[in-house]
Amino acid sequence: MNIIIENDRFIMRNLKAEDVQGIYALDADPEVHRYLENQPISTMQRAKDIIIHVQRQYVENGIGRLAVIDKVTGDFKAGRV
């Protein structure tokens, strides 16, 4: 696991292919997109595409969205933390 940031409750790390369910839950939520200029996603394939895009950002730009993982449960946090 490539840990970027860690505190008592969470680990923030690079997105992985296995985060597809969490990305889908996050990006399908209209509240997440309330102040963004795009629409919520509606397919798992779109979630997979987002992960690939973000992974490419890591390589090309040295930046990208991070996964927030609950240290106790190991769950991807798709809601409020």
PDB file of N, CA and C in Angstrom:
ATOM      1  N   MET A   1       0.841  -1.175   0.000  1.00  0.00           N
ATOM      2  CA  MET A   1       0.000   0.000   0.000  1.00  0.00           C
ATOM      3  C   MET A   1       0.889   1.242   0.000  1.00  0.00           C
ATOM      4  N   ASN A   2       0.601   2.165  -0.867  1.00  0.00           N
ATOM      5  CA  ASN A   2       1.349   3.412  -0.958  1.00  0.00           C
ATOM      6  C   ASN A   2       0.667   4.456  -0.078  1.00  0.00           C
ATOM      7  N   ILE A   3       1.056   4.540   1.199  1.00  0.00           N
ATOM      8  CA  ILE A   3       0.442   5.482   2.129  1.00  0.00           C
ATOM      9  C   ILE A   3       0.989   6.878   1.871  1.00  0.00           C
ATOM     10  N   ILE A   4       0.077   7.811   1.694  1.00  0.00           N
ATOM     11  CA  ILE A   4       0.447   9.202   1.487  1.00  0.00           C
ATOM     12  C   ILE A   4       0.345   9.964   2.811  1.00  0.00           C
ATOM     13  N   ILE A   5      -0.795   9.813   3.480  1.00  0.00           N
ATOM     14  CA  ILE A   5      -1.069  10.505   4.744  1.00  0.00           C
ATOM     15  C   ILE A   5      -1.745   9.503   5.680  1.00  0.00           C
ATOM     16  N   GLU A   6      -1.432   9.593   6.954  1.00  0.00           N
ATOM     17  CA  GLU A   6      -2.050   8.710   7.931  1.00  0.00           C
ATOM     18  C   GLU A   6      -2.297   9.485   9.212  1.00  0.00           C
ATOM     19  N   ASN A   7      -3.466   9.250   9.838  1.00  0.00           N
ATOM     20  CA  ASN A   7      -3.717   9.789  11.171  1.00  0.00           C
ATOM     21  C   ASN A   7      -4.278   8.669  12.032  1.00  0.00           C
ATOM     22  N   ASP A   8      -4.859   8.993  13.172  1.00  0.00           N
ATOM     23  CA  ASP A   8      -5.353   7.954  14.069  1.00  0.00           C
ATOM     24  C   ASP A   8      -6.491   7.131  13.468  1.00  0.00           C
ATOM     25  N   ARG A   9      -7.293   7.748  12.596  1.00  0.00           N
ATOM     26  CA  ARG A   9      -8.483   7.077  12.070  1.00  0.00           C
ATOM     27  C   ARG A   9      -8.374   6.602  10.633  1.00  0.00           C
ATOM     28  N   PHE A  10      -7.584   7.308   9.811  1.00  0.00           N
ATOM     29  CA  PHE A  10      -7.611   7.047   8.381  1.00  0.00           C
ATOM     30  C   PHE A  10      -6.232   6.937   7.755  1.00  0.00           C
ATOM     31  N   ILE A  11      -6.207   6.239   6.624  1.00  0.00           N
ATOM     32  CA  ILE A  11      -5.045   6.193   5.742  1.00  0.00           C
ATOM     33  C   ILE A  11      -5.496   6.802   4.423  1.00  0.00           C
ATOM     34  N   MET A  12      -4.709   7.698   3.884  1.00  0.00           N
ATOM     35  CA  MET A  12      -4.974   8.230   2.546  1.00  0.00           C
ATOM     36  C   MET A  12      -3.886   7.683   1.643  1.00  0.00           C
ATOM     37  N   ARG A  13      -4.312   7.045   0.546  1.00  0.00           N
ATOM     38  CA  ARG A  13      -3.358   6.396  -0.352  1.00  0.00           C
ATOM     39  C   ARG A  13      -3.827   6.528  -1.791  1.00  0.00           C
ATOM     40  N   ASN A  14      -2.954   6.150  -2.705  1.00  0.00           N
ATOM     41  CA  ASN A  14      -3.307   6.152  -4.121  1.00  0.00           C
ATOM     42  C   ASN A  14      -4.491   5.223  -4.371  1.00  0.00           C
ATOM     43  N   LEU A  15      -5.317   5.581  -5.347  1.00  0.00           N
ATOM     44  CA  LEU A  15      -6.435   4.720  -5.734  1.00  0.00           C
ATOM     45  C   LEU A  15      -5.914   3.445  -6.384  1.00  0.00           C
ATOM     46  N   LYS A  16      -6.632   2.354  -6.129  1.00  0.00           N
ATOM     47  CA  LYS A  16      -6.323   1.054  -6.717  1.00  0.00           C
ATOM     48  C   LYS A  16      -7.561   0.536  -7.429  1.00  0.00           C
ATOM     49  N   ALA A  17      -7.367  -0.417  -8.329  1.00  0.00           N
ATOM     50  CA  ALA A  17      -8.484  -0.988  -9.081  1.00  0.00           C
ATOM     51  C   ALA A  17      -9.571  -1.527  -8.150  1.00  0.00           C
ATOM     52  N   GLU A  18      -9.176  -2.072  -7.014  1.00  0.00           N
ATOM     53  CA  GLU A  18     -10.164  -2.644  -6.085  1.00  0.00           C
ATOM     54  C   GLU A  18     -10.999  -1.589  -5.355  1.00  0.00           C
ATOM     55  N   ASP A  19     -10.729  -0.317  -5.579  1.00  0.00           N
ATOM     56  CA  ASP A  19     -11.518   0.766  -4.992  1.00  0.00           C
ATOM     57  C   ASP A  19     -12.740   1.115  -5.833  1.00  0.00           C
ATOM     58  N   VAL A  20     -13.043   0.317  -6.843  1.00  0.00           N
ATOM     59  CA  VAL A  20     -14.105   0.647  -7.794  1.00  0.00           C
ATOM     60  C   VAL A  20     -15.465   0.823  -7.109  1.00  0.00           C
ATOM     61  N   GLN A  21     -15.800  -0.010  -6.143  1.00  0.00           N
ATOM     62  CA  GLN A  21     -17.087   0.134  -5.439  1.00  0.00           C
ATOM     63  C   GLN A  21     -17.147   1.459  -4.683  1.00  0.00           C
ATOM     64  N   GLY A  22     -16.044   1.808  -4.027  1.00  0.00           N
ATOM     65  CA  GLY A  22     -16.000   3.062  -3.284  1.00  0.00           C
ATOM     66  C   GLY A  22     -16.087   4.276  -4.189  1.00  0.00           C
ATOM     67  N   ILE A  23     -15.379   4.244  -5.309  1.00  0.00           N
ATOM     68  CA  ILE A  23     -15.441   5.355  -6.267  1.00  0.00           C
ATOM     69  C   ILE A  23     -16.847   5.466  -6.839  1.00  0.00           C
ATOM     70  N   TYR A  24     -17.466   4.327  -7.129  1.00  0.00           N
ATOM     71  CA  TYR A  24     -18.838   4.373  -7.642  1.00  0.00           C
ATOM     72  C   TYR A  24     -19.765   5.015  -6.612  1.00  0.00           C
ATOM     73  N   ALA A  25     -19.691   4.578  -5.360  1.00  0.00           N
ATOM     74  CA  ALA A  25     -20.549   5.138  -4.313  1.00  0.00           C
ATOM     75  C   ALA A  25     -20.323   6.640  -4.157  1.00  0.00           C
ATOM     76  N   LEU A  26     -19.079   7.055  -4.219  1.00  0.00           N
ATOM     77  CA  LEU A  26     -18.735   8.465  -4.066  1.00  0.00           C
ATOM     78  C   LEU A  26     -19.206   9.282  -5.257  1.00  0.00           C
ATOM     79  N   ASP A  27     -18.847   8.873  -6.450  1.00  0.00           N
ATOM     80  CA  ASP A  27     -19.119   9.684  -7.633  1.00  0.00           C
ATOM     81  C   ASP A  27     -20.541   9.530  -8.183  1.00  0.00           C
ATOM     82  N   ALA A  28     -21.315   8.590  -7.674  1.00  0.00           N
ATOM     83  CA  ALA A  28     -22.719   8.478  -8.063  1.00  0.00           C
ATOM     84  C   ALA A  28     -23.608   9.356  -7.179  1.00  0.00           C
ATOM     85  N   ASP A  29     -23.053   9.907  -6.129  1.00  0.00           N
ATOM     86  CA  ASP A  29     -23.793  10.728  -5.180  1.00  0.00           C
ATOM     87  C   ASP A  29     -23.948  12.157  -5.706  1.00  0.00           C
ATOM     88  N   PRO A  30     -25.184  12.609  -5.953  1.00  0.00           N
ATOM     89  CA  PRO A  30     -25.388  13.967  -6.465  1.00  0.00           C
ATOM     90  C   PRO A  30     -24.816  15.051  -5.551  1.00  0.00           C
ATOM     91  N   GLU A  31     -24.804  14.818  -4.242  1.00  0.00           N
ATOM     92  CA  GLU A  31     -24.254  15.819  -3.318  1.00  0.00           C
ATOM     93  C   GLU A  31     -22.754  16.022  -3.526  1.00  0.00           C
ATOM     94  N   VAL A  32     -22.056  14.979  -3.931  1.00  0.00           N
ATOM     95  CA  VAL A  32     -20.624  15.097  -4.206  1.00  0.00           C
ATOM     96  C   VAL A  32     -20.398  16.057  -5.375  1.00  0.00           C
ATOM     97  N   HIS A  33     -21.303  16.049  -6.328  1.00  0.00           N
ATOM     98  CA  HIS A  33     -21.160  16.861  -7.538  1.00  0.00           C
ATOM     99  C   HIS A  33     -21.903  18.194  -7.464  1.00  0.00           C
ATOM    100  N   ARG A  34     -22.425  18.516  -6.318  1.00  0.00           N
ATOM    101  CA  ARG A  34     -23.237  19.723  -6.159  1.00  0.00           C
ATOM    102  C   ARG A  34     -22.535  20.989  -6.653  1.00  0.00           C
ATOM    103  N   TYR A  35     -21.252  21.129  -6.351  1.00  0.00           N
ATOM    104  CA  TYR A  35     -20.519  22.335  -6.729  1.00  0.00           C
ATOM    105  C   TYR A  35     -19.480  22.081  -7.821  1.00  0.00           C
ATOM    106  N   LEU A  36     -19.546  20.927  -8.432  1.00  0.00           N
ATOM    107  CA  LEU A  36     -18.646  20.599  -9.527  1.00  0.00           C
ATOM    108  C   LEU A  36     -19.361  20.833 -10.848  1.00  0.00           C
ATOM    109  N   GLU A  37     -18.613  20.877 -11.903  1.00  0.00           N
ATOM    110  CA  GLU A  37     -19.213  21.138 -13.210  1.00  0.00           C
ATOM    111  C   GLU A  37     -19.505  19.856 -13.993  1.00  0.00           C
ATOM    112  N   ASN A  38     -19.642  18.737 -13.309  1.00  0.00           N
ATOM    113  CA  ASN A  38     -19.954  17.492 -14.008  1.00  0.00           C
ATOM    114  C   ASN A  38     -21.114  16.792 -13.323  1.00  0.00           C
ATOM    115  N   GLN A  39     -21.543  15.709 -13.886  1.00  0.00           N
ATOM    116  CA  GLN A  39     -22.706  14.967 -13.393  1.00  0.00           C
ATOM    117  C   GLN A  39     -22.271  13.713 -12.643  1.00  0.00           C
ATOM    118  N   PRO A  40     -23.103  13.249 -11.706  1.00  0.00           N
ATOM    119  CA  PRO A  40     -22.807  11.972 -11.039  1.00  0.00           C
ATOM    120  C   PRO A  40     -22.687  10.849 -12.060  1.00  0.00           C
ATOM    121  N   ILE A  41     -21.864   9.870 -11.748  1.00  0.00           N
ATOM    122  CA  ILE A  41     -21.704   8.730 -12.653  1.00  0.00           C
ATOM    123  C   ILE A  41     -22.855   7.755 -12.450  1.00  0.00           C
ATOM    124  N   SER A  42     -23.058   6.882 -13.443  1.00  0.00           N
ATOM    125  CA  SER A  42     -24.179   5.958 -13.345  1.00  0.00           C
ATOM    126  C   SER A  42     -23.803   4.506 -13.654  1.00  0.00           C
ATOM    127  N   THR A  43     -22.514   4.246 -13.907  1.00  0.00           N
ATOM    128  CA  THR A  43     -22.101   2.867 -14.201  1.00  0.00           C
ATOM    129  C   THR A  43     -20.793   2.525 -13.486  1.00  0.00           C
ATOM    130  N   MET A  44     -20.620   1.238 -13.245  1.00  0.00           N
ATOM    131  CA  MET A  44     -19.370   0.761 -12.652  1.00  0.00           C
ATOM    132  C   MET A  44     -18.218   0.950 -13.632  1.00  0.00           C
ATOM    133  N   GLN A  45     -18.497   0.834 -14.928  1.00  0.00           N
ATOM    134  CA  GLN A  45     -17.437   1.047 -15.918  1.00  0.00           C
ATOM    135  C   GLN A  45     -16.896   2.461 -15.814  1.00  0.00           C
ATOM    136  N   ARG A  46     -17.761   3.425 -15.585  1.00  0.00           N
ATOM    137  CA  ARG A  46     -17.299   4.814 -15.433  1.00  0.00           C
ATOM    138  C   ARG A  46     -16.415   4.940 -14.200  1.00  0.00           C
ATOM    139  N   ALA A  47     -16.752   4.235 -13.125  1.00  0.00           N
ATOM    140  CA  ALA A  47     -15.914   4.244 -11.920  1.00  0.00           C
ATOM    141  C   ALA A  47     -14.536   3.658 -12.223  1.00  0.00           C
ATOM    142  N   LYS A  48     -14.492   2.577 -12.988  1.00  0.00           N
ATOM    143  CA  LYS A  48     -13.214   1.980 -13.391  1.00  0.00           C
ATOM    144  C   LYS A  48     -12.409   2.964 -14.232  1.00  0.00           C
ATOM    145  N   ASP A  49     -13.095   3.652 -15.143  1.00  0.00           N
ATOM    146  CA  ASP A  49     -12.425   4.639 -15.994  1.00  0.00           C
ATOM    147  C   ASP A  49     -11.841   5.786 -15.170  1.00  0.00           C
ATOM    148  N   ILE A  50     -12.563   6.207 -14.140  1.00  0.00           N
ATOM    149  CA  ILE A  50     -12.072   7.279 -13.263  1.00  0.00           C
ATOM    150  C   ILE A  50     -10.794   6.843 -12.568  1.00  0.00           C
ATOM    151  N   ILE A  51     -10.774   5.630 -12.061  1.00  0.00           N
ATOM    152  CA  ILE A  51      -9.576   5.131 -11.380  1.00  0.00           C
ATOM    153  C   ILE A  51      -8.393   5.106 -12.338  1.00  0.00           C
ATOM    154  N   ILE A  52      -8.601   4.631 -13.545  1.00  0.00           N
ATOM    155  CA  ILE A  52      -7.520   4.610 -14.545  1.00  0.00           C
ATOM    156  C   ILE A  52      -7.036   6.017 -14.831  1.00  0.00           C
ATOM    157  N   HIS A  53      -7.972   6.953 -14.965  1.00  0.00           N
ATOM    158  CA  HIS A  53      -7.609   8.355 -15.220  1.00  0.00           C
ATOM    159  C   HIS A  53      -6.783   8.931 -14.068  1.00  0.00           C
ATOM    160  N   VAL A  54      -7.215   8.679 -12.851  1.00  0.00           N
ATOM    161  CA  VAL A  54      -6.486   9.199 -11.682  1.00  0.00           C
ATOM    162  C   VAL A  54      -5.107   8.549 -11.582  1.00  0.00           C
ATOM    163  N   GLN A  55      -5.020   7.258 -11.839  1.00  0.00           N
ATOM    164  CA  GLN A  55      -3.717   6.585 -11.809  1.00  0.00           C
ATOM    165  C   GLN A  55      -2.777   7.184 -12.848  1.00  0.00           C
ATOM    166  N   ARG A  56      -3.315   7.560 -13.990  1.00  0.00           N
ATOM    167  CA  ARG A  56      -2.514   8.229 -15.024  1.00  0.00           C
ATOM    168  C   ARG A  56      -2.046   9.608 -14.537  1.00  0.00           C
ATOM    169  N   GLN A  57      -2.903  10.308 -13.792  1.00  0.00           N
ATOM    170  CA  GLN A  57      -2.528  11.610 -13.230  1.00  0.00           C
ATOM    171  C   GLN A  57      -1.342  11.469 -12.281  1.00  0.00           C
ATOM    172  N   TYR A  58      -1.306  10.403 -11.503  1.00  0.00           N
ATOM    173  CA  TYR A  58      -0.181  10.181 -10.600  1.00  0.00           C
ATOM    174  C   TYR A  58       1.128  10.161 -11.382  1.00  0.00           C
ATOM    175  N   VAL A  59       1.126   9.432 -12.496  1.00  0.00           N
ATOM    176  CA  VAL A  59       2.328   9.260 -13.312  1.00  0.00           C
ATOM    177  C   VAL A  59       2.679  10.544 -14.063  1.00  0.00           C
ATOM    178  N   GLU A  60       1.687  11.122 -14.727  1.00  0.00           N
ATOM    179  CA  GLU A  60       1.938  12.268 -15.596  1.00  0.00           C
ATOM    180  C   GLU A  60       2.121  13.590 -14.841  1.00  0.00           C
ATOM    181  N   ASN A  61       1.404  13.755 -13.718  1.00  0.00           N
ATOM    182  CA  ASN A  61       1.408  15.042 -13.021  1.00  0.00           C
ATOM    183  C   ASN A  61       1.915  14.978 -11.581  1.00  0.00           C
ATOM    184  N   GLY A  62       2.098  13.781 -11.077  1.00  0.00           N
ATOM    185  CA  GLY A  62       2.537  13.635  -9.686  1.00  0.00           C
ATOM    186  C   GLY A  62       1.459  13.983  -8.677  1.00  0.00           C
ATOM    187  N   ILE A  63       0.198  14.060  -9.125  1.00  0.00           N
ATOM    188  CA  ILE A  63      -0.918  14.369  -8.231  1.00  0.00           C
ATOM    189  C   ILE A  63      -2.129  13.539  -8.641  1.00  0.00           C
ATOM    190  N   GLY A  64      -3.157  13.545  -7.810  1.00  0.00           N
ATOM    191  CA  GLY A  64      -4.405  12.871  -8.128  1.00  0.00           C
ATOM    192  C   GLY A  64      -5.223  12.661  -6.878  1.00  0.00           C
ATOM    193  N   ARG A  65      -6.481  12.286  -7.059  1.00  0.00           N
ATOM    194  CA  ARG A  65      -7.352  12.010  -5.919  1.00  0.00           C
ATOM    195  C   ARG A  65      -6.779  10.854  -5.109  1.00  0.00           C
ATOM    196  N   LEU A  66      -7.071  10.860  -3.833  1.00  0.00           N
ATOM    197  CA  LEU A  66      -6.608   9.795  -2.946  1.00  0.00           C
ATOM    198  C   LEU A  66      -7.793   9.025  -2.380  1.00  0.00           C
ATOM    199  N   ALA A  67      -7.575   7.775  -2.059  1.00  0.00           N
ATOM    200  CA  ALA A  67      -8.561   6.966  -1.352  1.00  0.00           C
ATOM    201  C   ALA A  67      -8.400   7.228   0.136  1.00  0.00           C
ATOM    202  N   VAL A  68      -9.514   7.359   0.848  1.00  0.00           N
ATOM    203  CA  VAL A  68      -9.500   7.479   2.301  1.00  0.00           C
ATOM    204  C   VAL A  68      -9.998   6.147   2.846  1.00  0.00           C
ATOM    205  N   ILE A  69      -9.137   5.484   3.601  1.00  0.00           N
ATOM    206  CA  ILE A  69      -9.410   4.140   4.109  1.00  0.00           C
ATOM    207  C   ILE A  69      -9.523   4.178   5.626  1.00  0.00           C
ATOM    208  N   ASP A  70     -10.609   3.622   6.147  1.00  0.00           N
ATOM    209  CA  ASP A  70     -10.812   3.521   7.593  1.00  0.00           C
ATOM    210  C   ASP A  70      -9.813   2.505   8.151  1.00  0.00           C
ATOM    211  N   LYS A  71      -9.020   2.912   9.116  1.00  0.00           N
ATOM    212  CA  LYS A  71      -7.980   2.020   9.648  1.00  0.00           C
ATOM    213  C   LYS A  71      -8.556   0.823  10.395  1.00  0.00           C
ATOM    214  N   VAL A  72      -9.712   0.980  11.024  1.00  0.00           N
ATOM    215  CA  VAL A  72     -10.295  -0.119  11.795  1.00  0.00           C
ATOM    216  C   VAL A  72     -10.933  -1.164  10.888  1.00  0.00           C
ATOM    217  N   THR A  73     -11.742  -0.698   9.935  1.00  0.00           N
ATOM    218  CA  THR A  73     -12.496  -1.626   9.095  1.00  0.00           C
ATOM    219  C   THR A  73     -11.815  -1.957   7.775  1.00  0.00           C
ATOM    220  N   GLY A  74     -10.900  -1.071   7.333  1.00  0.00           N
ATOM    221  CA  GLY A  74     -10.279  -1.239   6.034  1.00  0.00           C
ATOM    222  C   GLY A  74     -11.159  -0.786   4.887  1.00  0.00           C
ATOM    223  N   ASP A  75     -12.308  -0.172   5.209  1.00  0.00           N
ATOM    224  CA  ASP A  75     -13.278   0.257   4.192  1.00  0.00           C
ATOM    225  C   ASP A  75     -12.881   1.565   3.537  1.00  0.00           C
ATOM    226  N   PHE A  76     -13.166   1.682   2.254  1.00  0.00           N
ATOM    227  CA  PHE A  76     -13.053   2.922   1.496  1.00  0.00           C
ATOM    228  C   PHE A  76     -14.158   3.840   2.017  1.00  0.00           C
ATOM    229  N   LYS A  77     -13.802   5.054   2.374  1.00  0.00           N
ATOM    230  CA  LYS A  77     -14.793   5.994   2.898  1.00  0.00           C
ATOM    231  C   LYS A  77     -15.374   6.811   1.750  1.00  0.00           C
ATOM    232  N   ALA A  78     -16.615   6.510   1.412  1.00  0.00           N
ATOM    233  CA  ALA A  78     -17.261   7.198   0.308  1.00  0.00           C
ATOM    234  C   ALA A  78     -18.196   8.297   0.807  1.00  0.00           C
ATOM    235  N   GLY A  79     -18.400   8.368   2.103  1.00  0.00           N
ATOM    236  CA  GLY A  79     -19.278   9.394   2.661  1.00  0.00           C
ATOM    237  C   GLY A  79     -18.488  10.378   3.507  1.00  0.00           C
ATOM    238  N   ARG A  80     -19.177  11.043   4.368  1.00  0.00           N
ATOM    239  CA  ARG A  80     -18.522  12.012   5.250  1.00  0.00           C
ATOM    240  C   ARG A  80     -17.634  11.291   6.252  1.00  0.00           C
ATOM    241  N   VAL A  81     -16.487  11.911   6.534  1.00  0.00           N
ATOM    242  CA  VAL A  81     -15.564  11.287   7.497  1.00  0.00           C
ATOM    243  C   VAL A  81     -15.421  12.092   8.738  1.00  0.00           C
TER     244      VAL A  81
END
